[in-house]
Amino acid sequence: MKFLLTYQGKPNQAPPTPQKMAAIGAFTQKNIAAGIVKLTGGLVRPTQGIKLRCENGKASVTDGPFAETKELIDGFALVEVASKEEAIRMATEFMELAGDGDGEILQVFDMGDGQPPR
């Protein structure tokens, strides 16, 4: 099962210390080596962003920056694990390393999986 794990730090939070970054890096490298983490990254700040919208079959593109970007994520990881519970365990461990903030766990479907889960 594949999951997208996201993390958003608290607004105006101090940047992570070098020690915290080292711990996050070790956690990430351990899980990459184990074949669990498939992709990880973060967003460049300040983000300009591009919004896409499709209405009545016509797509439009709007370049940022946008004044209301409250729900921007700081980082993400695409993981492949055996169960939702394992994804929760990984996300919980990461958040305890990263510090105060919010996250999401979203199950990912790709064409190699066959039919999307319902």
C-alpha atoms as a PDB file:
ATOM      1  CA  MET A   1       0.000   0.000   0.000  1.00  0.00           C
ATOM      2  CA  LYS A   2       1.258   3.454  -0.857  1.00  0.00           C
ATOM      3  CA  PHE A   3       0.611   6.551   1.228  1.00  0.00           C
ATOM      4  CA  LEU A   4       1.480  10.226   0.930  1.00  0.00           C
ATOM      5  CA  LEU A   5       2.482  11.591   4.336  1.00  0.00           C
ATOM      6  CA  THR A   6       2.489  15.359   4.716  1.00  0.00           C
ATOM      7  CA  TYR A   7       3.779  17.678   7.425  1.00  0.00           C
ATOM      8  CA  GLN A   8       3.020  21.328   8.080  1.00  0.00           C
ATOM      9  CA  GLY A   9       4.868  23.079  10.893  1.00  0.00           C
ATOM     10  CA  LYS A  10       3.174  25.665  13.058  1.00  0.00           C
ATOM     11  CA  PRO A  11       3.157  29.213  11.626  1.00  0.00           C
ATOM     12  CA  ASN A  12       6.117  31.364  12.696  1.00  0.00           C
ATOM     13  CA  GLN A  13       7.857  28.299  14.140  1.00  0.00           C
ATOM     14  CA  ALA A  14      11.630  28.564  14.425  1.00  0.00           C
ATOM     15  CA  PRO A  15      13.570  26.560  11.844  1.00  0.00           C
ATOM     16  CA  PRO A  16      14.701  23.105  12.975  1.00  0.00           C
ATOM     17  CA  THR A  17      17.994  22.923  14.831  1.00  0.00           C
ATOM     18  CA  PRO A  18      20.938  21.135  13.205  1.00  0.00           C
ATOM     19  CA  GLN A  19      20.417  18.284  15.704  1.00  0.00           C
ATOM     20  CA  LYS A  20      16.747  17.961  14.752  1.00  0.00           C
ATOM     21  CA  MET A  21      17.623  18.007  11.038  1.00  0.00           C
ATOM     22  CA  ALA A  22      20.229  15.276  11.635  1.00  0.00           C
ATOM     23  CA  ALA A  23      17.640  13.118  13.433  1.00  0.00           C
ATOM     24  CA  ILE A  24      15.101  13.639  10.638  1.00  0.00           C
ATOM     25  CA  GLY A  25      17.796  12.832   8.066  1.00  0.00           C
ATOM     26  CA  ALA A  26      18.768   9.611   9.869  1.00  0.00           C
ATOM     27  CA  PHE A  27      15.113   8.536  10.112  1.00  0.00           C
ATOM     28  CA  THR A  28      14.595   9.255   6.411  1.00  0.00           C
ATOM     29  CA  GLN A  29      17.795   7.499   5.289  1.00  0.00           C
ATOM     30  CA  LYS A  30      16.956   4.426   7.396  1.00  0.00           C
ATOM     31  CA  ASN A  31      13.551   4.163   5.710  1.00  0.00           C
ATOM     32  CA  ILE A  32      14.942   4.815   2.217  1.00  0.00           C
ATOM     33  CA  ALA A  33      17.484   2.013   2.758  1.00  0.00           C
ATOM     34  CA  ALA A  34      14.663  -0.286   3.923  1.00  0.00           C
ATOM     35  CA  GLY A  35      12.757   0.444   0.696  1.00  0.00           C
ATOM     36  CA  ILE A  36       9.849   2.078   2.549  1.00  0.00           C
ATOM     37  CA  VAL A  37      10.354   5.716   1.563  1.00  0.00           C
ATOM     38  CA  LYS A  38      10.064   6.085  -2.208  1.00  0.00           C
ATOM     39  CA  LEU A  39      10.249   9.880  -2.465  1.00  0.00           C
ATOM     40  CA  THR A  40      10.586  12.723  -0.008  1.00  0.00           C
ATOM     41  CA  GLY A  41      10.909  16.470  -0.220  1.00  0.00           C
ATOM     42  CA  GLY A  42       9.637  19.849   0.790  1.00  0.00           C
ATOM     43  CA  LEU A  43       8.414  23.071  -0.716  1.00  0.00           C
ATOM     44  CA  VAL A  44      10.726  25.933  -1.593  1.00  0.00           C
ATOM     45  CA  ARG A  45       9.959  29.072   0.422  1.00  0.00           C
ATOM     46  CA  PRO A  46       8.635  31.529  -0.411  1.00  0.00           C
ATOM     47  CA  THR A  47       6.445  29.606  -2.768  1.00  0.00           C
ATOM     48  CA  GLN A  48       4.942  31.304  -5.757  1.00  0.00           C
ATOM     49  CA  GLY A  49       2.578  28.472  -6.600  1.00  0.00           C
ATOM     50  CA  ILE A  50       0.385  27.932  -9.610  1.00  0.00           C
ATOM     51  CA  LYS A  51      -3.335  27.216  -9.322  1.00  0.00           C
ATOM     52  CA  LEU A  52      -5.210  25.171 -11.870  1.00  0.00           C
ATOM     53  CA  ARG A  53      -8.959  25.105 -12.319  1.00  0.00           C
ATOM     54  CA  CYS A  54     -11.140  23.330 -14.835  1.00  0.00           C
ATOM     55  CA  GLU A  55     -14.700  24.491 -15.410  1.00  0.00           C
ATOM     56  CA  ASN A  56     -16.987  23.285 -18.174  1.00  0.00           C
ATOM     57  CA  GLY A  57     -14.104  21.387 -19.757  1.00  0.00           C
ATOM     58  CA  LYS A  58     -11.869  24.490 -20.000  1.00  0.00           C
ATOM     59  CA  ALA A  59      -8.671  24.624 -17.916  1.00  0.00           C
ATOM     60  CA  SER A  60      -7.230  27.880 -16.591  1.00  0.00           C
ATOM     61  CA  VAL A  61      -3.878  28.607 -14.954  1.00  0.00           C
ATOM     62  CA  THR A  62      -3.207  31.346 -12.387  1.00  0.00           C
ATOM     63  CA  ASP A  63       0.327  32.175 -11.216  1.00  0.00           C
ATOM     64  CA  GLY A  64       0.960  33.123  -7.559  1.00  0.00           C
ATOM     65  CA  PRO A  65       1.972  34.349  -5.123  1.00  0.00           C
ATOM     66  CA  PHE A  66      -1.306  33.945  -3.304  1.00  0.00           C
ATOM     67  CA  ALA A  67      -2.193  35.856  -0.154  1.00  0.00           C
ATOM     68  CA  GLU A  68      -4.044  32.948   1.470  1.00  0.00           C
ATOM     69  CA  THR A  69      -1.616  30.027   1.573  1.00  0.00           C
ATOM     70  CA  LYS A  70      -2.445  28.834   5.089  1.00  0.00           C
ATOM     71  CA  GLU A  71      -2.587  25.151   4.229  1.00  0.00           C
ATOM     72  CA  LEU A  72       0.806  24.876   2.569  1.00  0.00           C
ATOM     73  CA  ILE A  73       2.784  21.761   3.432  1.00  0.00           C
ATOM     74  CA  ASP A  74       6.413  21.965   4.519  1.00  0.00           C
ATOM     75  CA  GLY A  75       7.356  18.427   3.597  1.00  0.00           C
ATOM     76  CA  PHE A  76       6.088  15.128   2.253  1.00  0.00           C
ATOM     77  CA  ALA A  77       7.073  11.499   1.859  1.00  0.00           C
ATOM     78  CA  LEU A  78       5.695   8.847  -0.448  1.00  0.00           C
ATOM     79  CA  VAL A  79       5.940   5.523   1.364  1.00  0.00           C
ATOM     80  CA  GLU A  80       5.084   1.931   0.570  1.00  0.00           C
ATOM     81  CA  VAL A  81       4.051  -0.103   3.600  1.00  0.00           C
ATOM     82  CA  ALA A  82       2.006  -3.209   4.370  1.00  0.00           C
ATOM     83  CA  SER A  83      -0.893  -1.464   6.099  1.00  0.00           C
ATOM     84  CA  LYS A  84      -2.558   1.794   7.084  1.00  0.00           C
ATOM     85  CA  GLU A  85      -1.414   1.128  10.649  1.00  0.00           C
ATOM     86  CA  GLU A  86       2.218   1.059   9.520  1.00  0.00           C
ATOM     87  CA  ALA A  87       1.717   4.373   7.696  1.00  0.00           C
ATOM     88  CA  ILE A  88       0.279   5.848  10.908  1.00  0.00           C
ATOM     89  CA  ARG A  89       3.263   4.548  12.897  1.00  0.00           C
ATOM     90  CA  MET A  90       5.736   6.086  10.435  1.00  0.00           C
ATOM     91  CA  ALA A  91       3.925   9.428  10.313  1.00  0.00           C
ATOM     92  CA  THR A  92       3.701   9.545  14.110  1.00  0.00           C
ATOM     93  CA  GLU A  93       7.407   8.815  14.516  1.00  0.00           C
ATOM     94  CA  PHE A  94       8.298  11.491  11.966  1.00  0.00           C
ATOM     95  CA  MET A  95       6.064  14.122  13.585  1.00  0.00           C
ATOM     96  CA  GLU A  96       7.597  13.448  16.992  1.00  0.00           C
ATOM     97  CA  LEU A  97      11.005  14.149  15.403  1.00  0.00           C
ATOM     98  CA  ALA A  98       9.867  17.176  13.361  1.00  0.00           C
ATOM     99  CA  GLY A  99       7.981  18.888  16.168  1.00  0.00           C
ATOM    100  CA  ASP A 100       4.706  20.730  16.546  1.00  0.00           C
ATOM    101  CA  GLY A 101       2.582  20.808  13.445  1.00  0.00           C
ATOM    102  CA  ASP A 102      -0.085  19.007  11.479  1.00  0.00           C
ATOM    103  CA  GLY A 103       0.037  16.158   9.027  1.00  0.00           C
ATOM    104  CA  GLU A 104      -2.062  14.033   6.766  1.00  0.00           C
ATOM    105  CA  ILE A 105      -1.915  10.439   5.609  1.00  0.00           C
ATOM    106  CA  LEU A 106      -3.450   9.939   2.183  1.00  0.00           C
ATOM    107  CA  GLN A 107      -3.611   6.562   0.452  1.00  0.00           C
ATOM    108  CA  VAL A 108      -2.162   6.741  -3.054  1.00  0.00           C
ATOM    109  CA  PHE A 109      -3.416   4.819  -6.067  1.00  0.00           C
ATOM    110  CA  ASP A 110      -1.310   4.271  -9.153  1.00  0.00           C
ATOM    111  CA  MET A 111      -2.092   2.476 -12.388  1.00  0.00           C
ATOM    112  CA  GLY A 112       0.022  -0.540 -11.392  1.00  0.00           C
ATOM    113  CA  ASP A 113      -2.348  -1.191  -8.477  1.00  0.00           C
ATOM    114  CA  GLY A 114      -5.307  -2.158 -10.679  1.00  0.00           C
ATOM    115  CA  GLN A 115      -8.624  -0.718  -9.555  1.00  0.00           C
ATOM    116  CA  PRO A 116      -8.646   2.138  -7.030  1.00  0.00           C
ATOM    117  CA  PRO A 117      -9.617   1.074  -3.492  1.00  0.00           C
ATOM    118  CA  ARG A 118     -13.141   1.955  -2.454  1.00  0.00           C
END
